[in-house]
Amino acid sequence: MTEPVLQIPEGWQGRAPDGWEWSSLWEAVENGNHTYTDEFVRKAIDVGINPRIILDDGLFPGFNLQGDRFSAQIIFIPEMLITARAMKAGLALIRPLLAAQAEKPVGTFVMGTVLGDMHDIGQSIVTIMLENAGFNVINLGTDVHPDRFIETAQKEKADLVGFSALLSTTVYYQKVTIEEFEKAGFRNKVKILIGGAPTTQDWADECGADGWGKDAMEAVKLALDRVKQPREPWG
């Protein structure tokens, strides 16, 4: 299997001060060094680099490299979580600055693990990666009742809703929750995505989902595609 390579942002030198380098931040995020990531991002903010540039040129490359390795099954959840922790340290500093610039989110994504399932590792990674991609993510956590998914989607005027399940005994609640969206009259107002170890494309088709993400990277690509598709507007 081919080892993924670091994708260096084209033209980054023209978007940074003279003598600036991002390589140590790329490496810090890749290796999960959240302390150094925090320090470096603070320095970038102090010298006046635009927060969007910090995100795109500084934080994304190392994180995306690990994401590619995760998709290729070269690394696994523990390594990805370490990288995600470093990414979160940087995002915590620049997210308020991005909000102050009134950058509009790509879309609003409500997600959680279905009723009866207490696992959240996979969806935690997906949440971070969706936020990196520009989504406003409302993560409801684990053991989420269908009514809570529906109430939150309505309140937040969600574009997408995602259901995770890790157990074969709880995956059925993905179908139940979709049926409850239909009963509430909200099914056509959102695109519903599912994921988790016991799920497949066949199951997504059977339960009526709008898409299935086999891993975190695929889930983000799917979300970016589905958010562009037409939906009924929220009242």
C-alpha atoms as a PDB file:
ATOM      1  CA  MET A   1       0.000   0.000   0.000  1.00  0.00           C
ATOM      2  CA  THR A   2       1.322   3.441  -0.953  1.00  0.00           C
ATOM      3  CA  GLU A   3       2.220   5.658   1.981  1.00  0.00           C
ATOM      4  CA  PRO A   4       0.289   8.974   1.800  1.00  0.00           C
ATOM      5  CA  VAL A   5       2.435  12.074   1.491  1.00  0.00           C
ATOM      6  CA  LEU A   6       2.120  15.525   3.003  1.00  0.00           C
ATOM      7  CA  GLN A   7       0.202  17.848   0.705  1.00  0.00           C
ATOM      8  CA  ILE A   8       1.930  21.224   1.041  1.00  0.00           C
ATOM      9  CA  PRO A   9      -0.439  24.143   0.319  1.00  0.00           C
ATOM     10  CA  GLU A  10       0.522  25.733  -2.974  1.00  0.00           C
ATOM     11  CA  GLY A  11       1.724  29.312  -2.643  1.00  0.00           C
ATOM     12  CA  TRP A  12       1.756  29.341   1.149  1.00  0.00           C
ATOM     13  CA  GLN A  13       4.885  31.522   1.195  1.00  0.00           C
ATOM     14  CA  GLY A  14       2.946  34.395  -0.342  1.00  0.00           C
ATOM     15  CA  ARG A  15       0.370  34.228   2.453  1.00  0.00           C
ATOM     16  CA  ALA A  16       2.868  34.315   5.346  1.00  0.00           C
ATOM     17  CA  PRO A  17       5.347  36.892   6.712  1.00  0.00           C
ATOM     18  CA  ASP A  18       8.934  36.851   5.437  1.00  0.00           C
ATOM     19  CA  GLY A  19      10.932  34.087   7.073  1.00  0.00           C
ATOM     20  CA  TRP A  20       7.839  32.239   8.292  1.00  0.00           C
ATOM     21  CA  GLU A  21       7.635  28.432   8.265  1.00  0.00           C
ATOM     22  CA  TRP A  22       4.735  26.056   8.791  1.00  0.00           C
ATOM     23  CA  SER A  23       6.625  22.755   8.690  1.00  0.00           C
ATOM     24  CA  SER A  24       7.037  22.435  12.449  1.00  0.00           C
ATOM     25  CA  LEU A  25       3.273  22.944  12.900  1.00  0.00           C
ATOM     26  CA  TRP A  26       2.505  20.359  10.228  1.00  0.00           C
ATOM     27  CA  GLU A  27       4.700  17.912  12.119  1.00  0.00           C
ATOM     28  CA  ALA A  28       3.227  18.836  15.503  1.00  0.00           C
ATOM     29  CA  VAL A  29      -0.347  18.204  14.342  1.00  0.00           C
ATOM     30  CA  GLU A  30       0.673  14.999  12.582  1.00  0.00           C
ATOM     31  CA  ASN A  31       2.360  13.705  15.737  1.00  0.00           C
ATOM     32  CA  GLY A  32      -0.368  14.940  18.065  1.00  0.00           C
ATOM     33  CA  ASN A  33       1.756  17.478  19.952  1.00  0.00           C
ATOM     34  CA  HIS A  34      -1.091  19.643  21.232  1.00  0.00           C
ATOM     35  CA  THR A  35       1.132  21.780  23.462  1.00  0.00           C
ATOM     36  CA  TYR A  36       3.360  22.883  20.599  1.00  0.00           C
ATOM     37  CA  THR A  37       0.328  23.344  18.344  1.00  0.00           C
ATOM     38  CA  ASP A  38      -1.207  25.719  20.878  1.00  0.00           C
ATOM     39  CA  GLU A  39       2.043  27.708  21.179  1.00  0.00           C
ATOM     40  CA  PHE A  40       2.607  27.918  17.427  1.00  0.00           C
ATOM     41  CA  VAL A  41      -0.949  29.000  16.621  1.00  0.00           C
ATOM     42  CA  ARG A  42      -0.774  31.696  19.305  1.00  0.00           C
ATOM     43  CA  LYS A  43       2.418  32.968  17.695  1.00  0.00           C
ATOM     44  CA  ALA A  44       0.764  32.989  14.263  1.00  0.00           C
ATOM     45  CA  ILE A  45      -2.161  34.987  15.654  1.00  0.00           C
ATOM     46  CA  ASP A  46       0.206  37.432  17.381  1.00  0.00           C
ATOM     47  CA  VAL A  47       2.065  38.220  14.141  1.00  0.00           C
ATOM     48  CA  GLY A  48      -1.244  38.933  12.417  1.00  0.00           C
ATOM     49  CA  ILE A  49      -1.715  35.940  10.125  1.00  0.00           C
ATOM     50  CA  ASN A  50      -5.334  35.595   9.026  1.00  0.00           C
ATOM     51  CA  PRO A  51      -7.049  32.774  10.988  1.00  0.00           C
ATOM     52  CA  ARG A  52      -8.334  31.182   7.785  1.00  0.00           C
ATOM     53  CA  ILE A  53      -4.738  30.973   6.534  1.00  0.00           C
ATOM     54  CA  ILE A  54      -3.640  29.484   9.858  1.00  0.00           C
ATOM     55  CA  LEU A  55      -6.294  26.816   9.401  1.00  0.00           C
ATOM     56  CA  ASP A  56      -5.706  26.067   5.729  1.00  0.00           C
ATOM     57  CA  ASP A  57      -1.917  26.447   5.520  1.00  0.00           C
ATOM     58  CA  GLY A  58      -0.929  25.572   9.070  1.00  0.00           C
ATOM     59  CA  LEU A  59      -3.307  23.065  10.617  1.00  0.00           C
ATOM     60  CA  PHE A  60      -4.854  21.148   7.730  1.00  0.00           C
ATOM     61  CA  PRO A  61      -1.755  19.598   6.104  1.00  0.00           C
ATOM     62  CA  GLY A  62      -0.618  17.492   9.083  1.00  0.00           C
ATOM     63  CA  PHE A  63      -4.171  16.561   9.994  1.00  0.00           C
ATOM     64  CA  ASN A  64      -5.097  15.588   6.443  1.00  0.00           C
ATOM     65  CA  LEU A  65      -1.970  13.464   6.145  1.00  0.00           C
ATOM     66  CA  GLN A  66      -3.031  11.453   9.187  1.00  0.00           C
ATOM     67  CA  GLY A  67      -6.573  11.307   7.846  1.00  0.00           C
ATOM     68  CA  ASP A  68      -5.263   9.771   4.625  1.00  0.00           C
ATOM     69  CA  ARG A  69      -3.250   7.251   6.662  1.00  0.00           C
ATOM     70  CA  PHE A  70      -6.366   6.457   8.706  1.00  0.00           C
ATOM     71  CA  SER A  71      -8.400   5.830   5.542  1.00  0.00           C
ATOM     72  CA  ALA A  72      -5.622   3.592   4.213  1.00  0.00           C
ATOM     73  CA  GLN A  73      -5.585   1.682   7.537  1.00  0.00           C
ATOM     74  CA  ILE A  74      -1.932   2.537   8.084  1.00  0.00           C
ATOM     75  CA  ILE A  75      -2.855   4.115  11.410  1.00  0.00           C
ATOM     76  CA  PHE A  76      -5.903   3.450  13.582  1.00  0.00           C
ATOM     77  CA  ILE A  77      -8.242   5.181  16.016  1.00  0.00           C
ATOM     78  CA  PRO A  78      -5.706   5.739  18.871  1.00  0.00           C
ATOM     79  CA  GLU A  79      -3.254   7.539  16.576  1.00  0.00           C
ATOM     80  CA  MET A  80      -6.038   9.522  14.923  1.00  0.00           C
ATOM     81  CA  LEU A  81      -7.377  10.645  18.293  1.00  0.00           C
ATOM     82  CA  ILE A  82      -3.937  11.943  19.290  1.00  0.00           C
ATOM     83  CA  THR A  83      -3.751  13.972  16.089  1.00  0.00           C
ATOM     84  CA  ALA A  84      -7.328  15.160  16.631  1.00  0.00           C
ATOM     85  CA  ARG A  85      -6.400  16.454  20.084  1.00  0.00           C
ATOM     86  CA  ALA A  86      -3.668  18.631  18.575  1.00  0.00           C
ATOM     87  CA  MET A  87      -6.034  19.860  15.881  1.00  0.00           C
ATOM     88  CA  LYS A  88      -8.610  20.793  18.515  1.00  0.00           C
ATOM     89  CA  ALA A  89      -5.993  22.839  20.384  1.00  0.00           C
ATOM     90  CA  GLY A  90      -5.416  24.953  17.301  1.00  0.00           C
ATOM     91  CA  LEU A  91      -9.094  25.191  16.395  1.00  0.00           C
ATOM     92  CA  ALA A  92      -9.990  26.408  19.879  1.00  0.00           C
ATOM     93  CA  LEU A  93      -7.829  29.475  19.304  1.00  0.00           C
ATOM     94  CA  ILE A  94      -8.902  30.383  15.790  1.00  0.00           C
ATOM     95  CA  ARG A  95     -12.600  29.469  15.824  1.00  0.00           C
ATOM     96  CA  PRO A  96     -13.620  32.667  17.704  1.00  0.00           C
ATOM     97  CA  LEU A  97     -11.562  34.711  15.246  1.00  0.00           C
ATOM     98  CA  LEU A  98     -13.244  33.068  12.279  1.00  0.00           C
ATOM     99  CA  ALA A  99     -16.636  33.751  13.857  1.00  0.00           C
ATOM    100  CA  ALA A 100     -15.682  37.399  14.329  1.00  0.00           C
ATOM    101  CA  GLN A 101     -14.977  37.596  10.598  1.00  0.00           C
ATOM    102  CA  ALA A 102     -18.549  36.382  10.053  1.00  0.00           C
ATOM    103  CA  GLU A 103     -17.450  33.392   8.001  1.00  0.00           C
ATOM    104  CA  LYS A 104     -20.609  31.478   7.156  1.00  0.00           C
ATOM    105  CA  PRO A 105     -20.494  27.728   7.899  1.00  0.00           C
ATOM    106  CA  VAL A 106     -20.729  25.272   5.019  1.00  0.00           C
ATOM    107  CA  GLY A 107     -23.816  23.910   6.749  1.00  0.00           C
ATOM    108  CA  THR A 108     -25.209  22.733  10.080  1.00  0.00           C
ATOM    109  CA  PHE A 109     -24.717  19.067  10.933  1.00  0.00           C
ATOM    110  CA  VAL A 110     -26.465  17.413  13.892  1.00  0.00           C
ATOM    111  CA  MET A 111     -24.897  14.120  14.849  1.00  0.00           C
ATOM    112  CA  GLY A 112     -24.810  11.541  17.616  1.00  0.00           C
ATOM    113  CA  THR A 113     -24.777   7.849  18.473  1.00  0.00           C
ATOM    114  CA  VAL A 114     -28.174   6.172  18.374  1.00  0.00           C
ATOM    115  CA  LEU A 115     -30.310   5.068  21.291  1.00  0.00           C
ATOM    116  CA  GLY A 116     -28.758   2.309  23.398  1.00  0.00           C
ATOM    117  CA  ASP A 117     -25.207   2.798  22.085  1.00  0.00           C
ATOM    118  CA  MET A 118     -22.585   4.418  24.340  1.00  0.00           C
ATOM    119  CA  HIS A 119     -19.669   4.531  21.864  1.00  0.00           C
ATOM    120  CA  ASP A 120     -18.369   7.874  20.670  1.00  0.00           C
ATOM    121  CA  ILE A 121     -14.752   7.475  19.484  1.00  0.00           C
ATOM    122  CA  GLY A 122     -15.546   7.311  15.783  1.00  0.00           C
ATOM    123  CA  GLN A 123     -18.062  10.127  15.814  1.00  0.00           C
ATOM    124  CA  SER A 124     -15.665  12.307  17.816  1.00  0.00           C
ATOM    125  CA  ILE A 125     -13.155  12.046  14.973  1.00  0.00           C
ATOM    126  CA  VAL A 126     -15.869  12.754  12.402  1.00  0.00           C
ATOM    127  CA  THR A 127     -16.991  15.808  14.376  1.00  0.00           C
ATOM    128  CA  ILE A 128     -13.507  17.325  14.327  1.00  0.00           C
ATOM    129  CA  MET A 129     -13.056  16.616  10.645  1.00  0.00           C
ATOM    130  CA  LEU A 130     -16.453  18.120   9.801  1.00  0.00           C
ATOM    131  CA  GLU A 131     -15.562  21.242  11.781  1.00  0.00           C
ATOM    132  CA  ASN A 132     -12.269  21.399   9.899  1.00  0.00           C
ATOM    133  CA  ALA A 133     -14.249  21.289   6.655  1.00  0.00           C
ATOM    134  CA  GLY A 134     -16.291  24.301   7.753  1.00  0.00           C
ATOM    135  CA  PHE A 135     -19.445  22.743   9.197  1.00  0.00           C
ATOM    136  CA  ASN A 136     -21.222  23.930  12.296  1.00  0.00           C
ATOM    137  CA  VAL A 137     -21.496  20.619  14.185  1.00  0.00           C
ATOM    138  CA  ILE A 138     -23.897  19.945  17.048  1.00  0.00           C
ATOM    139  CA  ASN A 139     -22.744  16.670  18.584  1.00  0.00           C
ATOM    140  CA  LEU A 140     -25.441  15.195  20.827  1.00  0.00           C
ATOM    141  CA  GLY A 141     -23.138  12.511  22.222  1.00  0.00           C
ATOM    142  CA  THR A 142     -24.207   8.934  22.852  1.00  0.00           C
ATOM    143  CA  ASP A 143     -27.465   7.079  23.519  1.00  0.00           C
ATOM    144  CA  VAL A 144     -29.506   9.719  21.659  1.00  0.00           C
ATOM    145  CA  HIS A 145     -33.267   9.236  21.500  1.00  0.00           C
ATOM    146  CA  PRO A 146     -34.880   9.836  18.073  1.00  0.00           C
ATOM    147  CA  ASP A 147     -36.935  12.697  19.534  1.00  0.00           C
ATOM    148  CA  ARG A 148     -33.754  14.528  20.526  1.00  0.00           C
ATOM    149  CA  PHE A 149     -32.325  14.225  17.026  1.00  0.00           C
ATOM    150  CA  ILE A 150     -35.573  15.618  15.632  1.00  0.00           C
ATOM    151  CA  GLU A 151     -35.925  18.447  18.160  1.00  0.00           C
ATOM    152  CA  THR A 152     -32.324  19.560  17.658  1.00  0.00           C
ATOM    153  CA  ALA A 153     -32.532  19.398  13.878  1.00  0.00           C
ATOM    154  CA  GLN A 154     -35.660  21.556  13.971  1.00  0.00           C
ATOM    155  CA  LYS A 155     -34.211  24.045  16.458  1.00  0.00           C
ATOM    156  CA  GLU A 156     -30.906  24.414  14.579  1.00  0.00           C
ATOM    157  CA  LYS A 157     -32.514  24.260  11.107  1.00  0.00           C
ATOM    158  CA  ALA A 158     -30.027  21.519  10.300  1.00  0.00           C
ATOM    159  CA  ASP A 159     -28.897  20.726   6.786  1.00  0.00           C
ATOM    160  CA  LEU A 160     -27.556  17.270   7.663  1.00  0.00           C
ATOM    161  CA  VAL A 161     -28.145  14.727  10.410  1.00  0.00           C
ATOM    162  CA  GLY A 162     -25.804  11.826  11.124  1.00  0.00           C
ATOM    163  CA  PHE A 163     -26.397   8.646  13.135  1.00  0.00           C
ATOM    164  CA  SER A 164     -23.491   6.537  14.362  1.00  0.00           C
ATOM    165  CA  ALA A 165     -23.780   2.985  15.712  1.00  0.00           C
ATOM    166  CA  LEU A 166     -21.032   0.619  16.761  1.00  0.00           C
ATOM    167  CA  LEU A 167     -23.090  -2.363  17.910  1.00  0.00           C
ATOM    168  CA  SER A 168     -25.068  -4.732  15.733  1.00  0.00           C
ATOM    169  CA  THR A 169     -27.736  -4.650  18.450  1.00  0.00           C
ATOM    170  CA  THR A 170     -28.227  -0.869  18.166  1.00  0.00           C
ATOM    171  CA  VAL A 171     -27.843  -0.285  14.437  1.00  0.00           C
ATOM    172  CA  TYR A 172     -31.578  -0.920  14.027  1.00  0.00           C
ATOM    173  CA  TYR A 173     -32.225   2.434  15.732  1.00  0.00           C
ATOM    174  CA  GLN A 174     -30.756   4.203  12.715  1.00  0.00           C
ATOM    175  CA  LYS A 175     -33.761   2.944  10.744  1.00  0.00           C
ATOM    176  CA  VAL A 176     -36.144   3.772  13.597  1.00  0.00           C
ATOM    177  CA  THR A 177     -34.821   7.327  13.837  1.00  0.00           C
ATOM    178  CA  ILE A 178     -35.238   7.890  10.101  1.00  0.00           C
ATOM    179  CA  GLU A 179     -38.809   6.614  10.365  1.00  0.00           C
ATOM    180  CA  GLU A 180     -39.438   9.076  13.209  1.00  0.00           C
ATOM    181  CA  PHE A 181     -38.190  11.942  11.025  1.00  0.00           C
ATOM    182  CA  GLU A 182     -40.731  10.822   8.420  1.00  0.00           C
ATOM    183  CA  LYS A 183     -43.555  10.695  10.989  1.00  0.00           C
ATOM    184  CA  ALA A 184     -42.653  14.202  12.181  1.00  0.00           C
ATOM    185  CA  GLY A 185     -42.829  15.506   8.605  1.00  0.00           C
ATOM    186  CA  PHE A 186     -39.172  16.577   8.565  1.00  0.00           C
ATOM    187  CA  ARG A 187     -37.573  13.874   6.436  1.00  0.00           C
ATOM    188  CA  ASN A 188     -37.270  16.060   3.327  1.00  0.00           C
ATOM    189  CA  LYS A 189     -35.769  18.977   5.238  1.00  0.00           C
ATOM    190  CA  VAL A 190     -32.471  17.209   5.999  1.00  0.00           C
ATOM    191  CA  LYS A 191     -30.042  14.812   4.393  1.00  0.00           C
ATOM    192  CA  ILE A 192     -29.428  11.855   6.710  1.00  0.00           C
ATOM    193  CA  LEU A 193     -26.094  10.065   6.777  1.00  0.00           C
ATOM    194  CA  ILE A 194     -25.176   6.932   8.717  1.00  0.00           C
ATOM    195  CA  GLY A 195     -21.947   5.236   9.734  1.00  0.00           C
ATOM    196  CA  GLY A 196     -20.371   2.829  12.176  1.00  0.00           C
ATOM    197  CA  ALA A 197     -18.705  -0.578  12.169  1.00  0.00           C
ATOM    198  CA  PRO A 198     -21.828  -2.732  11.548  1.00  0.00           C
ATOM    199  CA  THR A 199     -23.156  -0.495   8.763  1.00  0.00           C
ATOM    200  CA  THR A 200     -22.860  -0.927   4.997  1.00  0.00           C
ATOM    201  CA  GLN A 201     -24.140   0.735   1.852  1.00  0.00           C
ATOM    202  CA  ASP A 202     -26.772  -1.993   1.620  1.00  0.00           C
ATOM    203  CA  TRP A 203     -27.977  -1.137   5.122  1.00  0.00           C
ATOM    204  CA  ALA A 204     -28.053   2.569   4.249  1.00  0.00           C
ATOM    205  CA  ASP A 205     -30.237   1.770   1.249  1.00  0.00           C
ATOM    206  CA  GLU A 206     -32.496  -0.456   3.334  1.00  0.00           C
ATOM    207  CA  CYS A 207     -33.029   2.027   6.151  1.00  0.00           C
ATOM    208  CA  GLY A 208     -33.578   4.989   3.829  1.00  0.00           C
ATOM    209  CA  ALA A 209     -30.464   7.047   4.556  1.00  0.00           C
ATOM    210  CA  ASP A 210     -29.090   9.544   2.050  1.00  0.00           C
ATOM    211  CA  GLY A 211     -25.560   8.230   2.356  1.00  0.00           C
ATOM    212  CA  TRP A 212     -23.110   5.963   4.165  1.00  0.00           C
ATOM    213  CA  GLY A 213     -19.606   6.878   5.270  1.00  0.00           C
ATOM    214  CA  LYS A 214     -17.293   3.907   5.667  1.00  0.00           C
ATOM    215  CA  ASP A 215     -14.780   6.044   7.583  1.00  0.00           C
ATOM    216  CA  ALA A 216     -14.251   9.613   8.790  1.00  0.00           C
ATOM    217  CA  MET A 217     -12.655  10.876   5.584  1.00  0.00           C
ATOM    218  CA  GLU A 218     -15.454   9.413   3.480  1.00  0.00           C
ATOM    219  CA  ALA A 219     -18.061  10.902   5.822  1.00  0.00           C
ATOM    220  CA  VAL A 220     -16.684  14.407   5.281  1.00  0.00           C
ATOM    221  CA  LYS A 221     -16.620  14.002   1.502  1.00  0.00           C
ATOM    222  CA  LEU A 222     -20.190  12.710   1.637  1.00  0.00           C
ATOM    223  CA  ALA A 223     -21.325  15.631   3.803  1.00  0.00           C
ATOM    224  CA  LEU A 224     -19.744  18.183   1.475  1.00  0.00           C
ATOM    225  CA  ASP A 225     -21.611  16.589  -1.433  1.00  0.00           C
ATOM    226  CA  ARG A 226     -25.000  16.131   0.243  1.00  0.00           C
ATOM    227  CA  VAL A 227     -25.127  19.648   1.722  1.00  0.00           C
ATOM    228  CA  LYS A 228     -25.254  20.986  -1.856  1.00  0.00           C
ATOM    229  CA  GLN A 229     -28.319  18.913  -2.717  1.00  0.00           C
ATOM    230  CA  PRO A 230     -31.767  20.534  -2.564  1.00  0.00           C
ATOM    231  CA  ARG A 231     -33.933  20.148   0.527  1.00  0.00           C
ATOM    232  CA  GLU A 232     -37.262  21.522   1.702  1.00  0.00           C
ATOM    233  CA  PRO A 233     -36.680  24.741   3.678  1.00  0.00           C
ATOM    234  CA  TRP A 234     -37.336  24.850   7.406  1.00  0.00           C
ATOM    235  CA  GLY A 235     -40.331  26.956   8.320  1.00  0.00           C
END
